[in-house]
C-alpha atoms as a PDB file:
ATOM      1  CA  UNK A   1     -22.128  39.114 -12.746  1.00  0.00           C
ATOM      2  CA  UNK A   2     -22.030  36.797 -15.776  1.00  0.00           C
ATOM      3  CA  UNK A   3     -18.206  36.799 -15.754  1.00  0.00           C
ATOM      4  CA  UNK A   4     -18.162  35.987 -12.053  1.00  0.00           C
ATOM      5  CA  UNK A   5     -20.500  33.041 -12.617  1.00  0.00           C
ATOM      6  CA  UNK A   6     -18.362  31.753 -15.513  1.00  0.00           C
ATOM      7  CA  UNK A   7     -15.214  32.093 -13.413  1.00  0.00           C
ATOM      8  CA  UNK A   8     -16.830  30.151 -10.566  1.00  0.00           C
ATOM      9  CA  UNK A   9     -17.914  27.376 -12.945  1.00  0.00           C
ATOM     10  CA  UNK A  10     -14.431  27.205 -14.497  1.00  0.00           C
ATOM     11  CA  UNK A  11     -12.824  27.030 -11.055  1.00  0.00           C
ATOM     12  CA  UNK A  12     -15.164  24.215 -10.046  1.00  0.00           C
ATOM     13  CA  UNK A  13     -14.275  22.217 -13.160  1.00  0.00           C
ATOM     14  CA  UNK A  14     -10.563  22.769 -12.552  1.00  0.00           C
ATOM     15  CA  UNK A  15     -10.929  21.393  -9.036  1.00  0.00           C
ATOM     16  CA  UNK A  16     -12.769  18.323 -10.341  1.00  0.00           C
ATOM     17  CA  UNK A  17     -10.007  17.563 -12.819  1.00  0.00           C
ATOM     18  CA  UNK A  18      -7.110  18.089 -10.469  1.00  0.00           C
ATOM     19  CA  UNK A  19      -4.246  15.714 -10.191  1.00  0.00           C
ATOM     20  CA  UNK A  20      -1.520  15.485  -7.610  1.00  0.00           C
ATOM     21  CA  UNK A  21       2.015  16.189  -8.784  1.00  0.00           C
ATOM     22  CA  UNK A  22       5.172  15.002  -7.032  1.00  0.00           C
ATOM     23  CA  UNK A  23       8.626  15.730  -8.485  1.00  0.00           C
ATOM     24  CA  UNK A  24       7.106  16.175 -11.945  1.00  0.00           C
ATOM     25  CA  UNK A  25       5.066  12.952 -11.756  1.00  0.00           C
ATOM     26  CA  UNK A  26       1.297  13.390 -12.065  1.00  0.00           C
ATOM     27  CA  UNK A  27      -1.037  11.090 -10.170  1.00  0.00           C
ATOM     28  CA  UNK A  28      -4.721  11.193 -11.109  1.00  0.00           C
ATOM     29  CA  UNK A  29      -7.068  12.189  -8.314  1.00  0.00           C
ATOM     30  CA  UNK A  30      -9.192   9.063  -8.990  1.00  0.00           C
ATOM     31  CA  UNK A  31      -8.573   5.602 -10.383  1.00  0.00           C
ATOM     32  CA  UNK A  32     -10.404   2.298 -10.720  1.00  0.00           C
ATOM     33  CA  UNK A  33      -9.274  -0.933  -9.113  1.00  0.00           C
ATOM     34  CA  UNK A  34     -11.463  -3.914  -9.891  1.00  0.00           C
ATOM     35  CA  UNK A  35     -15.044  -2.679  -9.771  1.00  0.00           C
ATOM     36  CA  UNK A  36     -14.385   0.174  -7.366  1.00  0.00           C
ATOM     37  CA  UNK A  37     -13.346   3.778  -7.705  1.00  0.00           C
ATOM     38  CA  UNK A  38     -10.487   4.932  -5.496  1.00  0.00           C
ATOM     39  CA  UNK A  39      -9.405   8.427  -4.482  1.00  0.00           C
ATOM     40  CA  UNK A  40      -5.844   9.589  -4.093  1.00  0.00           C
ATOM     41  CA  UNK A  41      -5.319   9.736  -0.344  1.00  0.00           C
ATOM     42  CA  UNK A  42      -1.914  11.352  -0.580  1.00  0.00           C
ATOM     43  CA  UNK A  43       1.316  11.365  -2.543  1.00  0.00           C
ATOM     44  CA  UNK A  44       4.940  11.962  -1.701  1.00  0.00           C
ATOM     45  CA  UNK A  45       8.584  11.592  -2.569  1.00  0.00           C
ATOM     46  CA  UNK A  46      10.957   8.842  -1.428  1.00  0.00           C
ATOM     47  CA  UNK A  47      14.437  10.224  -0.937  1.00  0.00           C
ATOM     48  CA  UNK A  48      17.621   8.480   0.052  1.00  0.00           C
ATOM     49  CA  UNK A  49      20.487  10.710   1.088  1.00  0.00           C
ATOM     50  CA  UNK A  50      20.466  13.355  -1.682  1.00  0.00           C
ATOM     51  CA  UNK A  51      18.696  11.255  -4.317  1.00  0.00           C
ATOM     52  CA  UNK A  52      15.058  11.290  -5.329  1.00  0.00           C
ATOM     53  CA  UNK A  53      14.235   7.586  -5.627  1.00  0.00           C
ATOM     54  CA  UNK A  54      10.530   7.494  -6.482  1.00  0.00           C
ATOM     55  CA  UNK A  55       7.277   9.416  -6.411  1.00  0.00           C
ATOM     56  CA  UNK A  56       4.403   7.531  -4.853  1.00  0.00           C
ATOM     57  CA  UNK A  57       0.655   7.812  -4.349  1.00  0.00           C
ATOM     58  CA  UNK A  58      -1.776   5.867  -2.188  1.00  0.00           C
ATOM     59  CA  UNK A  59      -5.341   5.320  -3.404  1.00  0.00           C
ATOM     60  CA  UNK A  60      -8.206   4.299  -1.113  1.00  0.00           C
ATOM     61  CA  UNK A  61     -12.013   4.020  -1.280  1.00  0.00           C
ATOM     62  CA  UNK A  62     -12.243   6.842   1.298  1.00  0.00           C
ATOM     63  CA  UNK A  63      -9.627   9.375   2.309  1.00  0.00           C
ATOM     64  CA  UNK A  64      -8.109   8.945   5.755  1.00  0.00           C
ATOM     65  CA  UNK A  65      -5.331  10.665   7.659  1.00  0.00           C
ATOM     66  CA  UNK A  66      -5.018   7.836  10.192  1.00  0.00           C
ATOM     67  CA  UNK A  67      -2.521   5.069   9.384  1.00  0.00           C
ATOM     68  CA  UNK A  68      -4.244   2.448  11.543  1.00  0.00           C
ATOM     69  CA  UNK A  69      -7.608   3.221   9.918  1.00  0.00           C
ATOM     70  CA  UNK A  70      -6.033   2.886   6.460  1.00  0.00           C
ATOM     71  CA  UNK A  71      -4.500  -0.467   7.384  1.00  0.00           C
ATOM     72  CA  UNK A  72      -7.798  -1.743   8.812  1.00  0.00           C
ATOM     73  CA  UNK A  73     -10.041  -0.429   6.021  1.00  0.00           C
ATOM     74  CA  UNK A  74     -11.662  -2.868   3.633  1.00  0.00           C
ATOM     75  CA  UNK A  75     -12.051  -2.506  -0.103  1.00  0.00           C
ATOM     76  CA  UNK A  76      -9.623  -2.117  -2.965  1.00  0.00           C
ATOM     77  CA  UNK A  77      -6.396  -0.152  -2.581  1.00  0.00           C
ATOM     78  CA  UNK A  78      -3.551   0.957  -4.823  1.00  0.00           C
ATOM     79  CA  UNK A  79       0.093   1.825  -4.295  1.00  0.00           C
ATOM     80  CA  UNK A  80       1.385   3.680  -7.377  1.00  0.00           C
ATOM     81  CA  UNK A  81       5.133   4.259  -7.703  1.00  0.00           C
ATOM     82  CA  UNK A  82       7.066   5.979 -10.483  1.00  0.00           C
ATOM     83  CA  UNK A  83      10.833   5.608 -10.363  1.00  0.00           C
ATOM     84  CA  UNK A  84      12.878   8.789 -10.532  1.00  0.00           C
ATOM     85  CA  UNK A  85      16.174   6.963 -10.993  1.00  0.00           C
ATOM     86  CA  UNK A  86      17.373   3.664 -12.410  1.00  0.00           C
ATOM     87  CA  UNK A  87      17.219   0.777  -9.937  1.00  0.00           C
ATOM     88  CA  UNK A  88      17.979  -2.886 -10.199  1.00  0.00           C
ATOM     89  CA  UNK A  89      15.138  -5.177  -9.241  1.00  0.00           C
ATOM     90  CA  UNK A  90      17.423  -6.498  -6.495  1.00  0.00           C
ATOM     91  CA  UNK A  91      17.693  -3.019  -4.943  1.00  0.00           C
ATOM     92  CA  UNK A  92      13.917  -2.611  -5.002  1.00  0.00           C
ATOM     93  CA  UNK A  93      13.315  -6.087  -3.529  1.00  0.00           C
ATOM     94  CA  UNK A  94      15.860  -5.528  -0.755  1.00  0.00           C
ATOM     95  CA  UNK A  95      14.190  -2.231   0.156  1.00  0.00           C
ATOM     96  CA  UNK A  96      10.756  -3.924   0.295  1.00  0.00           C
ATOM     97  CA  UNK A  97      12.088  -6.766   2.424  1.00  0.00           C
ATOM     98  CA  UNK A  98      13.853  -4.384   4.810  1.00  0.00           C
ATOM     99  CA  UNK A  99      10.768  -2.190   5.115  1.00  0.00           C
ATOM    100  CA  UNK A 100       8.605  -5.200   5.928  1.00  0.00           C
ATOM    101  CA  UNK A 101      11.102  -6.608   8.439  1.00  0.00           C
ATOM    102  CA  UNK A 102      11.295  -3.235  10.211  1.00  0.00           C
ATOM    103  CA  UNK A 103       7.529  -3.267  10.799  1.00  0.00           C
ATOM    104  CA  UNK A 104       6.905  -6.921  11.688  1.00  0.00           C
ATOM    105  CA  UNK A 105       8.090  -9.420  14.289  1.00  0.00           C
ATOM    106  CA  UNK A 106      10.053 -12.513  13.269  1.00  0.00           C
ATOM    107  CA  UNK A 107       6.910 -14.614  13.761  1.00  0.00           C
ATOM    108  CA  UNK A 108       4.892 -12.293  11.506  1.00  0.00           C
ATOM    109  CA  UNK A 109       7.624 -12.364   8.869  1.00  0.00           C
ATOM    110  CA  UNK A 110       7.609 -16.172   8.978  1.00  0.00           C
ATOM    111  CA  UNK A 111       3.903 -16.079   8.091  1.00  0.00           C
ATOM    112  CA  UNK A 112       4.593 -13.725   5.181  1.00  0.00           C
ATOM    113  CA  UNK A 113       7.753 -15.455   3.929  1.00  0.00           C
ATOM    114  CA  UNK A 114       6.322 -17.493   1.028  1.00  0.00           C
ATOM    115  CA  UNK A 115       4.217 -14.628  -0.308  1.00  0.00           C
ATOM    116  CA  UNK A 116       7.102 -12.166   0.034  1.00  0.00           C
ATOM    117  CA  UNK A 117       9.237 -14.619  -1.946  1.00  0.00           C
ATOM    118  CA  UNK A 118       6.506 -14.790  -4.610  1.00  0.00           C
ATOM    119  CA  UNK A 119       6.463 -10.979  -4.937  1.00  0.00           C
ATOM    120  CA  UNK A 120      10.268 -10.806  -4.820  1.00  0.00           C
ATOM    121  CA  UNK A 121      10.563 -13.383  -7.608  1.00  0.00           C
ATOM    122  CA  UNK A 122       8.129 -11.394  -9.771  1.00  0.00           C
ATOM    123  CA  UNK A 123      10.152  -8.230  -9.180  1.00  0.00           C
ATOM    124  CA  UNK A 124      13.507  -9.917  -9.788  1.00  0.00           C
ATOM    125  CA  UNK A 125      12.262 -11.210 -13.145  1.00  0.00           C
ATOM    126  CA  UNK A 126      11.960  -7.579 -14.257  1.00  0.00           C
ATOM    127  CA  UNK A 127      15.718  -7.055 -14.034  1.00  0.00           C
ATOM    128  CA  UNK A 128      16.567  -3.369 -14.157  1.00  0.00           C
ATOM    129  CA  UNK A 129      13.879  -0.735 -13.796  1.00  0.00           C
ATOM    130  CA  UNK A 130      14.665   2.510 -15.573  1.00  0.00           C
ATOM    131  CA  UNK A 131      13.730   6.039 -14.580  1.00  0.00           C
ATOM    132  CA  UNK A 132      10.034   6.527 -15.357  1.00  0.00           C
ATOM    133  CA  UNK A 133       9.073   2.899 -14.729  1.00  0.00           C
ATOM    134  CA  UNK A 134       5.591   2.635 -13.233  1.00  0.00           C
ATOM    135  CA  UNK A 135       5.079   0.044 -10.485  1.00  0.00           C
ATOM    136  CA  UNK A 136       1.524  -0.480  -9.261  1.00  0.00           C
ATOM    137  CA  UNK A 137       0.584  -2.794  -6.413  1.00  0.00           C
ATOM    138  CA  UNK A 138      -3.172  -3.262  -6.114  1.00  0.00           C
ATOM    139  CA  UNK A 139      -5.290  -4.966  -3.489  1.00  0.00           C
ATOM    140  CA  UNK A 140      -8.245  -6.653  -5.187  1.00  0.00           C
ATOM    141  CA  UNK A 141     -10.534  -8.106  -2.498  1.00  0.00           C
ATOM    142  CA  UNK A 142     -11.690 -10.909  -4.815  1.00  0.00           C
ATOM    143  CA  UNK A 143      -8.245 -12.092  -5.894  1.00  0.00           C
ATOM    144  CA  UNK A 144      -5.365 -10.642  -3.867  1.00  0.00           C
ATOM    145  CA  UNK A 145      -2.302  -8.471  -4.384  1.00  0.00           C
ATOM    146  CA  UNK A 146      -1.575  -7.725  -8.039  1.00  0.00           C
ATOM    147  CA  UNK A 147       1.749  -6.379  -9.309  1.00  0.00           C
ATOM    148  CA  UNK A 148       1.785  -4.347 -12.510  1.00  0.00           C
ATOM    149  CA  UNK A 149       4.839  -2.855 -14.168  1.00  0.00           C
ATOM    150  CA  UNK A 150       4.286  -0.243 -16.872  1.00  0.00           C
ATOM    151  CA  UNK A 151       0.637  -1.294 -17.076  1.00  0.00           C
ATOM    152  CA  UNK A 152       1.349  -5.023 -17.516  1.00  0.00           C
ATOM    153  CA  UNK A 153       0.254  -7.513 -14.834  1.00  0.00           C
ATOM    154  CA  UNK A 154       3.119  -9.680 -13.604  1.00  0.00           C
ATOM    155  CA  UNK A 155       2.511 -13.227 -12.405  1.00  0.00           C
ATOM    156  CA  UNK A 156      -0.430 -14.481 -10.376  1.00  0.00           C
ATOM    157  CA  UNK A 157      -2.198 -12.471  -7.702  1.00  0.00           C
ATOM    158  CA  UNK A 158      -0.887 -13.097  -4.190  1.00  0.00           C
ATOM    159  CA  UNK A 159      -3.539 -14.233  -1.704  1.00  0.00           C
ATOM    160  CA  UNK A 160      -4.236 -12.690   1.681  1.00  0.00           C
ATOM    161  CA  UNK A 161      -5.168  -9.183   2.734  1.00  0.00           C
ATOM    162  CA  UNK A 162      -2.660  -9.544   5.584  1.00  0.00           C
ATOM    163  CA  UNK A 163       0.078  -9.547   2.946  1.00  0.00           C
ATOM    164  CA  UNK A 164      -1.131  -6.304   1.376  1.00  0.00           C
ATOM    165  CA  UNK A 165      -1.380  -4.706   4.815  1.00  0.00           C
ATOM    166  CA  UNK A 166       2.185  -5.849   5.473  1.00  0.00           C
ATOM    167  CA  UNK A 167       3.270  -4.060   2.292  1.00  0.00           C
ATOM    168  CA  UNK A 168       1.430  -0.893   3.330  1.00  0.00           C
ATOM    169  CA  UNK A 169       3.273  -0.940   6.665  1.00  0.00           C
ATOM    170  CA  UNK A 170       6.521  -0.317   4.763  1.00  0.00           C
ATOM    171  CA  UNK A 171       5.263   3.248   4.282  1.00  0.00           C
ATOM    172  CA  UNK A 172       2.546   3.554   6.962  1.00  0.00           C
ATOM    173  CA  UNK A 173       3.835   1.371   9.803  1.00  0.00           C
ATOM    174  CA  UNK A 174       5.358   2.363  13.136  1.00  0.00           C
ATOM    175  CA  UNK A 175       8.804   2.388  11.496  1.00  0.00           C
ATOM    176  CA  UNK A 176       8.050   3.774   8.031  1.00  0.00           C
ATOM    177  CA  UNK A 177      10.739   3.911   5.390  1.00  0.00           C
ATOM    178  CA  UNK A 178      10.509   7.724   5.612  1.00  0.00           C
ATOM    179  CA  UNK A 179       8.446   9.756   8.105  1.00  0.00           C
ATOM    180  CA  UNK A 180       7.566  12.648   5.802  1.00  0.00           C
ATOM    181  CA  UNK A 181       6.531  10.207   3.052  1.00  0.00           C
ATOM    182  CA  UNK A 182       4.157   8.536   5.531  1.00  0.00           C
ATOM    183  CA  UNK A 183       2.629  11.906   6.354  1.00  0.00           C
ATOM    184  CA  UNK A 184       2.294  12.769   2.663  1.00  0.00           C
ATOM    185  CA  UNK A 185       0.559   9.459   1.884  1.00  0.00           C
ATOM    186  CA  UNK A 186      -1.861  10.190   4.717  1.00  0.00           C
ATOM    187  CA  UNK A 187      -2.686  13.500   3.030  1.00  0.00           C
ATOM    188  CA  UNK A 188      -0.921  15.631   5.609  1.00  0.00           C
ATOM    189  CA  UNK A 189       1.225  18.550   4.506  1.00  0.00           C
ATOM    190  CA  UNK A 190       4.910  18.112   5.216  1.00  0.00           C
END
């Protein structure tokens, strides 16, 4: 009976300390953004043809399997990406721009243009991103969208929650960059 109790306690602690792993990249089950604690909602792998491009996790204040609910939800959010291959900043920026354009009308893109340029310029200043590079894009309700590369904040925060939602639509929109990645980020098994 004592062994059974110890095993149950050990199992409970293991569950509390779990992390999500995607293609060898570990994402913590919790993180802090600003003053709030976020939970990993889901994590997945971005593939292009035969290549693994990046592992990614989405963190939210509350887990949700509904893309529209995630987009509408308030509070801090985090997109965490770890590159699984070398990319130029230009390649990454072009993929972001294409993903946004695929999920927004021309009029919506016109409203996002200056802020997308601000993010693109920050990314282009990085140059080449090597395998293992960590890219984090946070939504901080008090200040805006914050880009961090390998733990270092880049540039000024970008204002407007609509901009962060536009970024999320790259992966969670009606035309996501990859359907099974969308499902994984929503915590659904693929």
